[in-house]
Amino acid sequence: MNYIFSNRVSSLKPSAIREILKHTANPEVIPFAAGNPAADAFPKEIIEKISADILESDPIGALQYSVTEGYTPLRNRLKKEMSEKNCFVYERDDLIITSGAQQANELACKVLCSDGDTLICEAPSFVGSLNAFKSYNVNLVGVELEDDGINIEKLEAALKTNNSVKLLYLIPNFQNPTGKTMSLEKRKAVLALAEKYDFIILEDDPYGDLRFSGKDIPSIKSLDTAGRVIYSRTFSKILAPGLRVGYVSAPAEIISKMIVCKQVSDVHSNIWAQQICDRFMETADMNEHLASLRKLYKAKYELMANGIKEHFSDKVRVTEPEGGLFIWADLPEGADMMTFCQKAVEKYKIAVVPGTAFMISENDKTNSFRMNFSTPTDLQITEGCRILGQLTKEL
């Protein structure tokens, strides 16, 4: 049988990078390639009690079909919280619960971009979102990152040279994969460019609650007065990714289209999981929980950063994130990054993610790789940095 696939997926191919990531299923491999929350981060006992209470008090509500927009008490709670952060305007915005931030980002592209429209993003950027965008046949354009966020001059050049720019996708806080944070000045600058060139900003903020040093910077959404920002968040990094609960605050007209698209996609996100998130926000001390996460990730980051400083070649440059889950490492000019990553996992059983996985095209050149400090144990971090460090000195 000769299967003919749609134009949207016919050009999509499995990534060669995934061959390296397959090794992470081996328990002997040190998982610097993952992006999972730490095993100690899950409030298991609280979630267990909440789940039992829900099945005791409202089993039908948890197990029956529900509305696409999301569990109403959770939506109302999130609207209030977002309003207090100037990220939700009752007179202008609406909010929908999604199956993680991944679905939120995919829906934004789906409702705003037609085939051939231009979507600009940071280069490098989150591979999950990049693949979602590619499936909609957009003209995906990457703009390089500086230490304080996207290069504004090159962004404006891309806006001038590409037709029909509909979306700018950004991860301003502790960006995946680089760990970089966009400055307040650049957040204001991209808003000004959105006004000038008439496009929408998709602000993806999965790590904003995980700042363990430095000062908070206002979200782009909180600075927006013209309804040009879609703000995507998630419970995946602060409660549990397996719950698959994310949410979007955006102008009501955009949310209304997202609702229709979500209806034909999955009807609604898991209601039981939404009730767990709502009860957690209502009954647990969220501030105390977030403080414990920040303390945990700060310790794990410092352990990895100190290991890198002690063992890595001084020719390797690494980012110094103030939060999130990732460190971005640049090998020296002339080094073969792919060979380095393959040797690390095949010979030394340490998995890191090659930087090409996060580029607009895997043919784009980069000497970088991503390291995650949340998933491995402290012992794995210490040992992994020692072994990788020796490998960097062999280059």
Protein backbone atom coordinates (compact mmCIF):
# COMPACT_ATOMS: atom_id res chain seq x y z
CA MET A 1 0.00 0.00 0.00
CA ASN A 2 1.35 3.43 -0.98
CA TYR A 3 0.24 5.87 1.71
CA ILE A 4 -0.08 9.52 0.72
CA PHE A 5 0.25 11.88 3.65
CA SER A 6 -1.01 15.44 4.01
CA ASN A 7 1.14 18.39 3.02
CA ARG A 8 1.40 19.34 6.70
CA VAL A 9 3.20 16.16 7.73
CA SER A 10 4.73 14.72 4.57
CA SER A 11 7.95 16.71 5.02
CA LEU A 12 8.29 15.96 8.75
CA LYS A 13 11.00 13.41 9.52
CA PRO A 14 12.26 11.77 12.69
CA SER A 15 15.26 13.58 14.10
CA ALA A 16 18.71 12.04 14.07
CA ILE A 17 19.13 13.63 17.49
CA ARG A 18 16.52 11.24 18.87
CA GLU A 19 18.98 8.37 18.41
CA ILE A 20 21.12 9.90 21.14
CA LEU A 21 18.12 10.52 23.37
CA LYS A 22 17.06 6.86 23.12
CA HIS A 23 19.99 6.05 25.37
CA THR A 24 18.31 7.91 28.23
CA ALA A 25 15.96 4.95 28.71
CA ASN A 26 18.97 3.04 30.02
CA PRO A 27 19.06 3.44 33.83
CA GLU A 28 22.86 3.33 33.71
CA VAL A 29 22.93 6.57 31.66
CA ILE A 30 23.33 9.84 33.55
CA PRO A 31 20.33 11.91 32.33
CA PHE A 32 21.73 15.38 31.61
CA ALA A 33 19.53 15.33 28.47
CA ALA A 34 16.18 15.30 30.21
CA GLY A 35 14.02 18.27 31.16
CA ASN A 36 12.00 16.63 33.90
CA PRO A 37 11.34 18.06 37.36
CA ALA A 38 13.44 16.57 40.14
CA ALA A 39 12.06 13.43 41.78
CA ASP A 40 12.03 15.32 45.10
CA ALA A 41 9.92 18.13 43.60
CA PHE A 42 6.59 16.33 43.53
CA PRO A 43 4.21 17.00 46.44
CA LYS A 44 3.08 13.35 46.34
CA GLU A 45 1.35 13.16 49.71
CA ILE A 46 -0.69 16.31 49.14
CA ILE A 47 -1.77 15.20 45.66
CA GLU A 48 -2.69 11.76 47.00
CA LYS A 49 -4.93 13.29 49.69
CA ILE A 50 -6.53 15.75 47.25
CA SER A 51 -7.25 12.96 44.76
CA ALA A 52 -8.93 10.85 47.45
CA ASP A 53 -11.01 13.82 48.59
CA ILE A 54 -12.14 14.57 45.02
CA LEU A 55 -13.23 10.97 44.39
CA GLU A 56 -15.05 10.97 47.70
CA SER A 57 -16.82 14.32 47.36
CA ASP A 58 -17.30 14.76 43.59
CA PRO A 59 -16.52 11.54 41.69
CA ILE A 60 -18.91 12.26 38.81
CA GLY A 61 -17.57 15.78 38.33
CA ALA A 62 -14.05 14.39 38.10
CA LEU A 63 -14.87 11.50 35.76
CA GLN A 64 -17.58 12.95 33.50
CA TYR A 65 -17.24 15.05 30.34
CA SER A 66 -16.88 18.77 31.00
CA VAL A 67 -16.55 22.12 29.20
CA THR A 68 -13.76 22.84 26.75
CA GLU A 69 -12.78 26.10 28.44
CA GLY A 70 -11.70 24.19 31.53
CA TYR A 71 -12.79 23.54 35.12
CA THR A 72 -14.60 26.74 36.10
CA PRO A 73 -13.26 27.13 39.68
CA LEU A 74 -9.68 26.71 38.41
CA ARG A 75 -10.24 29.18 35.56
CA ASN A 76 -11.64 31.76 37.97
CA ARG A 77 -8.77 31.24 40.40
CA LEU A 78 -6.19 31.65 37.63
CA LYS A 79 -7.93 34.74 36.23
CA LYS A 80 -7.71 36.34 39.67
CA GLU A 81 -4.06 35.38 40.08
CA MET A 82 -3.16 36.59 36.59
CA SER A 83 -5.08 39.83 37.18
CA GLU A 84 -3.03 40.51 40.31
CA LYS A 85 0.11 40.12 38.18
CA ASN A 86 -1.30 42.44 35.48
CA CYS A 87 -1.43 39.46 33.11
CA PHE A 88 -5.22 39.32 32.78
CA VAL A 89 -7.60 42.22 32.04
CA TYR A 90 -11.20 41.25 32.78
CA GLU A 91 -12.56 43.74 30.25
CA ARG A 92 -10.38 42.42 27.43
CA ASP A 93 -8.97 38.95 28.11
CA ASP A 94 -10.15 35.39 28.59
CA LEU A 95 -8.42 32.23 29.82
CA ILE A 96 -8.52 28.61 28.66
CA ILE A 97 -7.08 25.49 30.29
CA THR A 98 -4.92 23.42 27.94
CA SER A 99 -3.16 20.07 27.98
CA GLY A 100 0.13 21.58 29.05
CA ALA A 101 1.81 24.66 27.63
CA GLN A 102 2.71 22.61 24.54
CA GLN A 103 -0.94 22.58 23.45
CA ALA A 104 -1.28 26.27 24.26
CA ASN A 105 1.59 27.14 21.92
CA GLU A 106 0.30 24.82 19.20
CA LEU A 107 -3.18 26.37 19.40
CA ALA A 108 -1.76 29.89 19.09
CA CYS A 109 -0.08 28.96 15.83
CA LYS A 110 -3.15 27.08 14.61
CA VAL A 111 -5.58 29.96 15.10
CA LEU A 112 -3.34 32.77 13.83
CA CYS A 113 -1.10 31.35 11.09
CA SER A 114 -2.07 30.23 7.61
CA ASP A 115 0.20 28.24 5.29
CA GLY A 116 3.17 30.40 4.35
CA ASP A 117 2.71 33.00 7.09
CA THR A 118 5.88 33.89 8.97
CA LEU A 119 6.47 32.88 12.58
CA ILE A 120 9.64 34.29 14.14
CA CYS A 121 11.29 32.64 17.12
CA GLU A 122 14.50 32.70 19.09
CA ALA A 123 17.36 30.61 17.72
CA PRO A 124 17.82 28.23 19.45
CA SER A 125 14.37 27.51 20.89
CA PHE A 126 12.23 24.78 22.48
CA VAL A 127 12.10 21.80 20.12
CA GLY A 128 8.51 20.85 21.05
CA SER A 129 7.15 24.19 19.95
CA LEU A 130 9.32 24.29 16.84
CA ASN A 131 7.94 20.94 15.68
CA ALA A 132 4.37 22.08 16.36
CA PHE A 133 4.92 25.24 14.31
CA LYS A 134 6.50 23.31 11.43
CA SER A 135 3.43 21.09 11.21
CA TYR A 136 1.38 24.15 10.16
CA ASN A 137 3.56 24.94 7.14
CA VAL A 138 4.64 28.33 8.43
CA ASN A 139 7.72 30.17 7.28
CA LEU A 140 9.74 29.61 10.46
CA VAL A 141 12.46 32.24 10.92
CA GLY A 142 15.02 32.15 13.73
CA VAL A 143 16.70 35.21 15.26
CA GLU A 144 19.82 34.72 17.34
CA LEU A 145 19.90 35.22 21.11
CA GLU A 146 22.23 37.51 23.00
CA ASP A 147 22.95 37.15 26.72
CA ASP A 148 19.96 39.38 27.55
CA GLY A 149 17.51 37.94 25.04
CA ILE A 150 16.70 38.12 21.35
CA ASN A 151 18.84 40.40 19.16
CA ILE A 152 16.52 43.37 18.60
CA GLU A 153 18.32 44.72 15.52
CA LYS A 154 18.24 41.34 13.78
CA LEU A 155 14.62 40.87 14.84
CA GLU A 156 13.64 44.12 13.13
CA ALA A 157 15.63 43.11 10.06
CA ALA A 158 13.66 39.84 9.94
CA LEU A 159 10.41 41.78 10.28
CA LYS A 160 11.38 43.97 7.34
CA THR A 161 12.45 41.14 5.04
CA ASN A 162 9.73 38.55 5.69
CA ASN A 163 6.15 38.85 4.52
CA SER A 164 3.06 38.25 6.64
CA VAL A 165 4.68 37.99 10.06
CA LYS A 166 1.91 36.77 12.37
CA LEU A 167 3.65 35.54 15.53
CA LEU A 168 6.81 36.09 17.53
CA TYR A 169 7.48 33.16 19.87
CA LEU A 170 9.56 33.95 22.96
CA ILE A 171 10.58 32.21 26.19
CA PRO A 172 11.73 35.26 28.18
CA ASN A 173 12.46 33.57 31.53
CA PHE A 174 15.32 31.02 31.77
CA GLN A 175 14.89 30.13 28.15
CA ASN A 176 14.86 26.53 26.97
CA PRO A 177 17.50 25.52 25.96
CA THR A 178 19.91 28.33 26.89
CA GLY A 179 18.75 29.36 30.37
CA LYS A 180 18.98 33.02 29.32
CA THR A 181 16.58 35.70 30.55
CA MET A 182 15.33 38.61 28.46
CA SER A 183 15.98 42.04 29.93
CA LEU A 184 13.18 44.49 30.71
CA GLU A 185 14.49 46.81 28.01
CA LYS A 186 14.18 44.11 25.37
CA ARG A 187 10.71 43.11 26.56
CA LYS A 188 9.62 46.69 26.01
CA ALA A 189 11.42 46.77 22.66
CA VAL A 190 9.62 43.71 21.26
CA LEU A 191 6.28 45.22 22.31
CA ALA A 192 7.17 48.39 20.44
CA LEU A 193 8.06 46.34 17.36
CA ALA A 194 4.76 44.45 17.64
CA GLU A 195 2.96 47.80 17.46
CA LYS A 196 5.11 49.01 14.58
CA TYR A 197 4.88 45.85 12.44
CA ASP A 198 1.46 44.60 13.59
CA PHE A 199 2.08 41.09 14.91
CA ILE A 200 1.21 39.04 18.01
CA ILE A 201 3.70 37.92 20.68
CA LEU A 202 3.41 34.39 22.06
CA GLU A 203 5.06 34.54 25.50
CA ASP A 204 5.82 31.05 26.81
CA ASP A 205 6.56 31.12 30.56
CA PRO A 206 6.89 27.59 31.96
CA TYR A 207 9.84 28.42 34.23
CA GLY A 208 8.93 31.86 35.59
CA ASP A 209 8.14 30.55 39.09
CA LEU A 210 11.54 28.85 39.34
CA ARG A 211 13.76 31.92 39.82
CA PHE A 212 16.38 31.05 42.43
CA SER A 213 18.56 34.18 42.17
CA GLY A 214 18.30 37.76 40.91
CA LYS A 215 15.15 39.85 40.69
CA ASP A 216 11.86 39.15 38.93
CA ILE A 217 11.31 40.96 35.63
CA PRO A 218 7.77 41.93 34.56
CA SER A 219 6.28 39.64 31.94
CA ILE A 220 5.70 41.01 28.45
CA LYS A 221 2.00 40.34 28.99
CA SER A 222 1.95 42.62 32.04
CA LEU A 223 3.40 45.46 29.92
CA ASP A 224 0.91 45.00 27.08
CA THR A 225 -1.86 47.59 26.75
CA ALA A 226 -2.92 46.86 23.17
CA GLY A 227 -3.90 43.18 23.35
CA ARG A 228 -0.86 41.90 21.45
CA VAL A 229 0.36 39.18 23.84
CA ILE A 230 -0.70 35.56 24.30
CA TYR A 231 0.63 34.39 27.66
CA SER A 232 1.20 30.65 28.11
CA ARG A 233 1.87 28.99 31.49
CA THR A 234 1.81 25.49 32.97
CA PHE A 235 1.62 23.44 36.16
CA SER A 236 4.11 20.95 34.68
CA LYS A 237 7.20 22.44 36.30
CA ILE A 238 5.64 23.37 39.64
CA LEU A 239 3.30 20.42 40.37
CA ALA A 240 3.63 17.51 37.94
CA PRO A 241 4.00 17.29 34.15
CA GLY A 242 1.94 14.09 34.11
CA LEU A 243 -1.14 16.12 35.04
CA ARG A 244 -0.87 17.87 31.64
CA VAL A 245 -2.46 21.11 32.85
CA GLY A 246 -1.47 24.40 31.24
CA TYR A 247 -3.33 27.64 30.61
CA VAL A 248 -3.40 30.67 28.35
CA SER A 249 -4.31 34.27 29.09
CA ALA A 250 -5.01 36.22 25.89
CA PRO A 251 -7.48 38.61 24.26
CA ALA A 252 -10.97 37.09 24.32
CA GLU A 253 -11.24 36.96 20.50
CA ILE A 254 -8.14 34.77 20.31
CA ILE A 255 -9.28 32.53 23.16
CA SER A 256 -12.67 32.01 21.46
CA LYS A 257 -10.91 30.55 18.41
CA MET A 258 -8.66 28.42 20.62
CA ILE A 259 -11.77 26.98 22.28
CA VAL A 260 -13.22 25.91 18.92
CA CYS A 261 -9.92 24.33 17.86
CA LYS A 262 -9.54 22.52 21.18
CA GLN A 263 -13.09 21.17 20.91
CA VAL A 264 -12.21 19.30 17.73
CA SER A 265 -8.83 18.23 19.11
CA ASP A 266 -9.43 16.71 22.56
CA VAL A 267 -12.83 18.09 23.77
CA HIS A 268 -11.26 19.26 27.03
CA SER A 269 -8.19 18.70 29.18
CA ASN A 270 -8.28 16.16 32.01
CA ILE A 271 -10.86 17.47 34.50
CA TRP A 272 -9.63 15.34 37.40
CA ALA A 273 -6.15 16.81 36.95
CA GLN A 274 -7.61 20.33 36.77
CA GLN A 275 -9.47 19.72 40.03
CA ILE A 276 -6.22 18.59 41.65
CA CYS A 277 -4.52 21.84 40.57
CA ASP A 278 -7.45 23.88 41.84
CA ARG A 279 -7.58 22.14 45.23
CA PHE A 280 -3.80 22.44 45.58
CA MET A 281 -3.98 26.20 45.02
CA GLU A 282 -6.87 26.43 47.46
CA THR A 283 -5.61 24.26 50.31
CA ALA A 284 -1.80 24.08 50.10
CA ASP A 285 0.66 26.87 50.75
CA MET A 286 1.74 27.57 47.18
CA ASN A 287 4.30 30.18 48.24
CA GLU A 288 5.95 27.69 50.57
CA HIS A 289 5.86 25.00 47.87
CA LEU A 290 7.47 27.29 45.30
CA ALA A 291 10.09 28.37 47.83
CA SER A 292 11.02 24.72 48.38
CA LEU A 293 11.35 24.19 44.62
CA ARG A 294 13.60 27.23 44.25
CA LYS A 295 15.80 26.02 47.10
CA LEU A 296 16.02 22.55 45.56
CA TYR A 297 16.91 23.80 42.06
CA LYS A 298 19.35 26.39 43.32
CA ALA A 299 21.29 23.67 45.14
CA LYS A 300 21.27 21.37 42.10
CA TYR A 301 22.29 24.20 39.77
CA GLU A 302 25.17 25.25 42.03
CA LEU A 303 26.35 21.65 42.26
CA MET A 304 26.46 21.38 38.46
CA ALA A 305 27.95 24.86 37.99
CA ASN A 306 30.72 24.10 40.49
CA GLY A 307 31.36 20.75 38.82
CA ILE A 308 31.68 22.46 35.45
CA LYS A 309 34.02 25.09 36.88
CA GLU A 310 36.21 22.43 38.50
CA HIS A 311 36.39 19.88 35.70
CA PHE A 312 35.56 21.43 32.29
CA SER A 313 38.11 22.88 29.93
CA ASP A 314 38.32 26.64 30.36
CA LYS A 315 37.66 26.90 26.62
CA VAL A 316 34.06 25.78 27.16
CA ARG A 317 31.69 28.70 27.79
CA VAL A 318 28.50 28.08 29.79
CA THR A 319 25.48 30.20 30.67
CA GLU A 320 24.76 31.14 34.28
CA PRO A 321 20.95 31.00 34.59
CA GLU A 322 19.13 32.65 37.48
CA GLY A 323 16.39 30.02 37.41
CA GLY A 324 14.80 27.26 35.36
CA LEU A 325 16.32 23.86 34.64
CA PHE A 326 19.05 24.23 32.01
CA ILE A 327 22.66 25.20 31.31
CA TRP A 328 23.82 25.88 27.73
CA ALA A 329 27.44 24.99 26.93
CA ASP A 330 29.45 26.26 23.94
CA LEU A 331 32.36 24.13 22.80
CA PRO A 332 35.37 25.96 21.32
CA GLU A 333 35.51 26.79 17.62
CA GLY A 334 36.47 23.79 15.54
CA ALA A 335 35.22 21.18 17.98
CA ASP A 336 32.88 18.50 16.62
CA MET A 337 29.83 18.89 18.86
CA MET A 338 27.90 15.89 17.50
CA THR A 339 30.88 13.57 17.96
CA PHE A 340 31.28 14.94 21.49
CA CYS A 341 27.63 14.21 22.35
CA GLN A 342 27.72 10.75 20.76
CA LYS A 343 30.93 9.81 22.54
CA ALA A 344 29.55 11.09 25.85
CA VAL A 345 26.53 8.79 25.71
CA GLU A 346 27.96 5.76 23.89
CA LYS A 347 31.30 5.50 25.68
CA TYR A 348 30.71 7.26 29.00
CA LYS A 349 26.92 6.83 29.41
CA ILE A 350 26.20 10.53 29.88
CA ALA A 351 23.35 11.95 27.77
CA VAL A 352 23.32 15.62 26.81
CA VAL A 353 21.21 17.19 24.05
CA PRO A 354 23.05 18.38 20.92
CA GLY A 355 22.33 22.04 20.21
CA THR A 356 21.13 21.24 16.70
CA ALA A 357 17.96 19.76 18.24
CA PHE A 358 16.90 23.31 19.13
CA MET A 359 17.78 25.05 15.88
CA ILE A 360 15.25 26.00 13.21
CA SER A 361 16.86 23.42 10.95
CA GLU A 362 19.09 20.59 12.12
CA ASN A 363 21.45 21.67 9.34
CA ASP A 364 22.06 24.96 11.16
CA LYS A 365 25.55 25.14 12.60
CA THR A 366 26.09 25.20 16.36
CA ASN A 367 28.83 24.06 18.72
CA SER A 368 26.51 24.04 21.71
CA PHE A 369 24.76 21.40 23.82
CA ARG A 370 22.20 21.52 26.63
CA MET A 371 22.65 20.17 30.16
CA ASN A 372 19.78 19.67 32.62
CA PHE A 373 20.38 19.81 36.38
CA SER A 374 16.89 19.03 37.70
CA THR A 375 16.54 15.38 36.66
CA PRO A 376 19.85 13.73 37.69
CA THR A 377 20.62 12.92 41.31
CA ASP A 378 23.29 14.90 43.11
CA LEU A 379 25.68 11.95 42.80
CA GLN A 380 25.00 11.75 39.05
CA ILE A 381 25.65 15.49 38.69
CA THR A 382 28.98 15.22 40.49
CA GLU A 383 30.14 12.16 38.58
CA GLY A 384 28.75 13.34 35.24
CA CYS A 385 30.51 16.69 35.41
CA ARG A 386 33.80 14.97 36.25
CA ILE A 387 33.57 12.61 33.28
CA LEU A 388 32.26 15.22 30.81
CA GLY A 389 34.95 17.60 31.96
CA GLN A 390 37.64 15.11 31.03
CA LEU A 391 35.98 14.69 27.62
CA THR A 392 36.07 18.46 27.03
CA LYS A 393 39.81 18.46 27.74
CA GLU A 394 40.34 15.72 25.16
CA LEU A 395 38.94 17.94 22.39
